[in-house]
């Protein structure tokens, strides 16, 4: 039988006191970050063969993690309502923590980095905000939805950004190089809990609380697939 090399050749240990709530790999696969229900954040550095506890137990959950597409930033957010950012800096180097950014809108349920870019979309209650990694500031343009935002998704080209809440799915193009496109809003019968673009970005799928699936073709009229 041919020898099969293990996927990971190093074994690393890190102690977390609470249940794991989120995981994220860096774009180059060198780092894995692990968040817990107590707000702990552990970074595993596979190349250096070490681990770093970036944040201890704070008694509030971290629920969303992500690296920017170039690996320059690491983002974490959750129950505390703060956006937490680090600059990893490279293998063997302890990431540098930036000052926490309070949003003042309660639990941050979802956030997502722009593919091939440095725009970070953050759902703060009913408002969708964009943090610009180039300027390291919030952009002035925001998107308000009629309910708490439950899901976000970028298209693969980083131009289209979809957001959903109870009763509505919105399609925004905040990063278009052409003239600003009109905001598209579509009423739905339930709460949109999951969003996903097809690879080319021609279709948007939304999974709803009522067990139905909506798919928007390029014409943005939706097809409905009802679950049991």
Protein backbone atom coordinates (compact mmCIF):
# COMPACT_ATOMS: atom_id res chain seq x y z
CA UNK A 1 0.00 0.00 0.00
CA UNK A 2 1.34 3.41 -0.95
CA UNK A 3 2.33 5.67 1.92
CA UNK A 4 -0.07 8.56 2.43
CA UNK A 5 1.44 11.68 3.96
CA UNK A 6 -0.56 13.21 6.82
CA UNK A 7 -2.38 16.44 6.09
CA UNK A 8 -0.85 18.10 9.16
CA UNK A 9 2.57 16.95 10.33
CA UNK A 10 2.73 18.96 13.56
CA UNK A 11 0.54 18.54 16.61
CA UNK A 12 -0.22 21.67 18.58
CA UNK A 13 -2.10 22.04 21.83
CA UNK A 14 -3.99 24.99 23.20
CA UNK A 15 -6.25 25.17 26.22
CA UNK A 16 -9.72 26.66 25.81
CA UNK A 17 -12.13 26.81 28.71
CA UNK A 18 -15.34 27.06 26.67
CA UNK A 19 -16.93 25.38 23.65
CA UNK A 20 -15.55 26.20 20.19
CA UNK A 21 -17.86 28.55 18.29
CA UNK A 22 -15.90 29.53 15.17
CA UNK A 23 -12.84 28.57 13.11
CA UNK A 24 -10.93 30.34 10.34
CA UNK A 25 -7.85 29.52 8.24
CA UNK A 26 -5.50 32.18 6.93
CA UNK A 27 -5.38 32.42 3.10
CA UNK A 28 -1.95 30.74 2.97
CA UNK A 29 -3.02 27.94 5.32
CA UNK A 30 -0.28 28.72 7.84
CA UNK A 31 -2.62 29.82 10.65
CA UNK A 32 -5.82 28.47 12.16
CA UNK A 33 -7.73 30.63 14.64
CA UNK A 34 -10.24 29.19 17.08
CA UNK A 35 -12.89 31.14 19.01
CA UNK A 36 -14.88 30.04 22.03
CA UNK A 37 -18.19 30.72 23.75
CA UNK A 38 -16.26 32.56 26.45
CA UNK A 39 -14.59 34.95 24.03
CA UNK A 40 -11.22 33.20 23.92
CA UNK A 41 -9.22 33.38 20.70
CA UNK A 42 -6.42 30.90 20.05
CA UNK A 43 -4.08 31.07 17.05
CA UNK A 44 -2.23 27.97 15.84
CA UNK A 45 0.92 28.73 13.83
CA UNK A 46 1.69 25.52 11.94
CA UNK A 47 4.90 26.68 10.29
CA UNK A 48 6.45 27.88 13.55
CA UNK A 49 4.93 24.98 15.50
CA UNK A 50 3.48 27.14 18.25
CA UNK A 51 0.22 28.58 19.50
CA UNK A 52 -0.75 32.01 20.81
CA UNK A 53 -3.69 32.82 23.05
CA UNK A 54 -4.69 36.18 21.60
CA UNK A 55 -7.61 36.71 23.95
CA UNK A 56 -8.62 35.08 27.22
CA UNK A 57 -12.04 34.19 28.61
CA UNK A 58 -14.21 37.32 28.78
CA UNK A 59 -17.57 35.71 29.48
CA UNK A 60 -19.04 36.72 26.12
CA UNK A 61 -19.05 34.62 22.98
CA UNK A 62 -17.03 35.20 19.80
CA UNK A 63 -19.09 33.91 16.88
CA UNK A 64 -17.56 35.17 13.65
CA UNK A 65 -13.92 35.06 12.51
CA UNK A 66 -12.11 35.81 9.28
CA UNK A 67 -8.84 36.78 7.64
CA UNK A 68 -8.73 39.40 4.91
CA UNK A 69 -7.97 37.95 1.48
CA UNK A 70 -4.31 39.03 1.67
CA UNK A 71 -3.89 37.84 5.27
CA UNK A 72 -3.12 41.36 6.48
CA UNK A 73 -5.95 41.44 9.03
CA UNK A 74 -7.73 39.01 11.34
CA UNK A 75 -11.25 39.90 12.44
CA UNK A 76 -13.37 38.59 15.31
CA UNK A 77 -16.76 39.68 16.66
CA UNK A 78 -19.72 38.43 18.64
CA UNK A 79 -21.71 38.97 21.81
CA UNK A 80 -19.81 42.00 23.13
CA UNK A 81 -20.79 44.12 20.12
CA UNK A 82 -17.16 45.07 19.45
CA UNK A 83 -15.19 44.59 16.26
CA UNK A 84 -11.80 43.09 17.15
CA UNK A 85 -8.89 43.30 14.71
CA UNK A 86 -5.33 41.99 14.65
CA UNK A 87 -2.44 42.27 12.21
CA UNK A 88 -0.89 38.77 12.02
CA UNK A 89 2.51 39.94 10.73
CA UNK A 90 3.74 36.50 9.64
CA UNK A 91 4.66 33.11 11.04
CA UNK A 92 6.52 33.14 14.34
CA UNK A 93 5.38 36.69 15.10
CA UNK A 94 2.72 37.42 17.69
CA UNK A 95 -0.17 39.26 15.98
CA UNK A 96 -0.55 42.91 16.91
CA UNK A 97 -3.94 43.77 18.39
CA UNK A 98 -5.68 46.93 17.24
CA UNK A 99 -7.95 48.88 19.58
CA UNK A 100 -11.42 47.28 19.90
CA UNK A 101 -14.11 49.13 17.94
CA UNK A 102 -17.45 49.27 19.80
CA UNK A 103 -20.48 49.49 17.53
CA UNK A 104 -23.08 50.07 20.24
CA UNK A 105 -25.74 47.93 18.55
CA UNK A 106 -25.64 44.71 20.55
CA UNK A 107 -24.53 41.28 19.40
CA UNK A 108 -22.68 41.16 16.06
CA UNK A 109 -24.16 38.13 14.33
CA UNK A 110 -22.22 38.19 11.09
CA UNK A 111 -19.34 39.87 9.27
CA UNK A 112 -17.50 39.06 6.05
CA UNK A 113 -14.34 40.17 4.26
CA UNK A 114 -14.54 41.19 0.62
CA UNK A 115 -12.91 38.62 -1.68
CA UNK A 116 -9.80 40.08 -3.30
CA UNK A 117 -10.14 43.27 -1.27
CA UNK A 118 -9.90 44.96 2.11
CA UNK A 119 -13.53 45.90 2.71
CA UNK A 120 -15.03 44.27 5.80
CA UNK A 121 -18.83 44.10 5.93
CA UNK A 122 -20.17 44.11 9.49
CA UNK A 123 -23.80 43.57 10.47
CA UNK A 124 -24.53 45.80 13.47
CA UNK A 125 -28.18 45.22 14.34
CA UNK A 126 -30.23 46.51 11.42
CA UNK A 127 -27.34 48.41 9.87
CA UNK A 128 -24.69 47.10 7.48
CA UNK A 129 -21.39 48.96 7.77
CA UNK A 130 -18.12 48.74 5.84
CA UNK A 131 -14.68 49.00 7.44
CA UNK A 132 -11.97 49.91 4.94
CA UNK A 133 -8.67 48.14 5.62
CA UNK A 134 -6.75 50.55 3.40
CA UNK A 135 -7.75 53.69 5.30
CA UNK A 136 -8.46 51.77 8.54
CA UNK A 137 -11.68 53.69 8.94
CA UNK A 138 -15.41 53.17 8.56
CA UNK A 139 -16.84 54.18 5.23
CA UNK A 140 -19.60 56.76 5.30
CA UNK A 141 -22.03 54.75 3.18
CA UNK A 142 -24.18 52.29 5.11
CA UNK A 143 -27.16 50.07 4.37
CA UNK A 144 -30.18 49.94 6.69
CA UNK A 145 -32.55 46.97 6.70
CA UNK A 146 -35.98 46.71 8.35
CA UNK A 147 -34.84 43.96 10.74
CA UNK A 148 -31.73 42.56 12.40
CA UNK A 149 -29.33 41.36 9.73
CA UNK A 150 -29.01 37.57 9.84
CA UNK A 151 -26.67 36.79 6.93
CA UNK A 152 -24.16 38.40 4.57
CA UNK A 153 -22.48 37.23 1.37
CA UNK A 154 -20.07 38.80 -1.13
CA UNK A 155 -19.93 37.78 -4.77
CA UNK A 156 -16.62 36.22 -5.81
CA UNK A 157 -15.50 39.40 -7.60
CA UNK A 158 -16.12 41.47 -4.46
CA UNK A 159 -18.54 43.82 -6.22
CA UNK A 160 -21.94 42.63 -4.98
CA UNK A 161 -22.88 42.35 -1.31
CA UNK A 162 -26.10 40.67 -0.19
CA UNK A 163 -27.74 41.01 3.23
CA UNK A 164 -30.89 39.42 4.65
CA UNK A 165 -33.21 39.90 7.60
CA UNK A 166 -36.79 39.09 8.51
CA UNK A 167 -38.87 39.95 5.45
CA UNK A 168 -36.18 41.27 3.10
CA UNK A 169 -33.10 40.44 1.04
CA UNK A 170 -31.05 43.40 -0.21
CA UNK A 171 -28.40 43.47 -2.93
CA UNK A 172 -25.84 46.27 -2.68
CA UNK A 173 -22.91 47.17 -4.93
CA UNK A 174 -20.75 49.40 -2.70
CA UNK A 175 -17.49 48.58 -4.49
CA UNK A 176 -18.49 48.92 -8.13
CA UNK A 177 -15.93 50.77 -10.26
CA UNK A 178 -18.72 52.06 -12.46
CA UNK A 179 -21.46 54.55 -11.59
CA UNK A 180 -23.27 53.57 -8.36
CA UNK A 181 -25.88 50.92 -9.08
CA UNK A 182 -29.33 51.24 -7.51
CA UNK A 183 -29.92 49.28 -4.34
CA UNK A 184 -32.11 46.25 -4.98
CA UNK A 185 -34.53 45.10 -2.29
CA UNK A 186 -36.75 42.04 -2.46
CA UNK A 187 -39.47 41.20 0.04
CA UNK A 188 -39.49 37.62 1.37
CA UNK A 189 -42.02 35.77 3.50
CA UNK A 190 -39.63 34.72 6.28
CA UNK A 191 -36.19 35.44 7.75
CA UNK A 192 -33.18 34.89 5.51
CA UNK A 193 -30.68 32.85 7.55
CA UNK A 194 -28.09 31.94 4.89
CA UNK A 195 -26.88 33.55 1.66
CA UNK A 196 -24.54 32.31 -1.08
CA UNK A 197 -23.53 33.54 -4.53
CA UNK A 198 -22.71 31.16 -7.36
CA UNK A 199 -19.08 31.26 -8.49
CA UNK A 200 -19.60 33.72 -11.37
CA UNK A 201 -21.98 35.76 -9.21
CA UNK A 202 -24.90 35.31 -11.59
CA UNK A 203 -27.17 33.68 -9.02
CA UNK A 204 -27.88 34.42 -5.37
CA UNK A 205 -29.38 31.75 -3.10
CA UNK A 206 -31.10 32.44 0.22
CA UNK A 207 -32.18 29.85 2.79
CA UNK A 208 -35.13 30.96 4.91
CA UNK A 209 -36.45 30.12 8.36
CA UNK A 210 -39.64 28.65 6.85
CA UNK A 211 -37.57 25.87 5.19
CA UNK A 212 -37.76 27.44 1.73
CA UNK A 213 -34.92 28.28 -0.63
CA UNK A 214 -35.00 31.31 -2.91
CA UNK A 215 -32.75 31.64 -5.96
CA UNK A 216 -32.35 34.90 -7.84
CA UNK A 217 -31.24 34.57 -11.49
CA UNK A 218 -29.59 37.57 -13.18
CA UNK A 219 -33.03 39.07 -13.82
CA UNK A 220 -33.51 39.19 -10.01
CA UNK A 221 -36.89 37.51 -10.06
CA UNK A 222 -36.72 34.66 -7.62
CA UNK A 223 -37.50 30.96 -7.87
CA UNK A 224 -38.87 29.21 -4.78
CA UNK A 225 -38.04 25.68 -3.62
CA UNK A 226 -40.17 24.73 -0.63
CA UNK A 227 -38.84 22.32 1.97
CA UNK A 228 -40.91 20.00 4.10
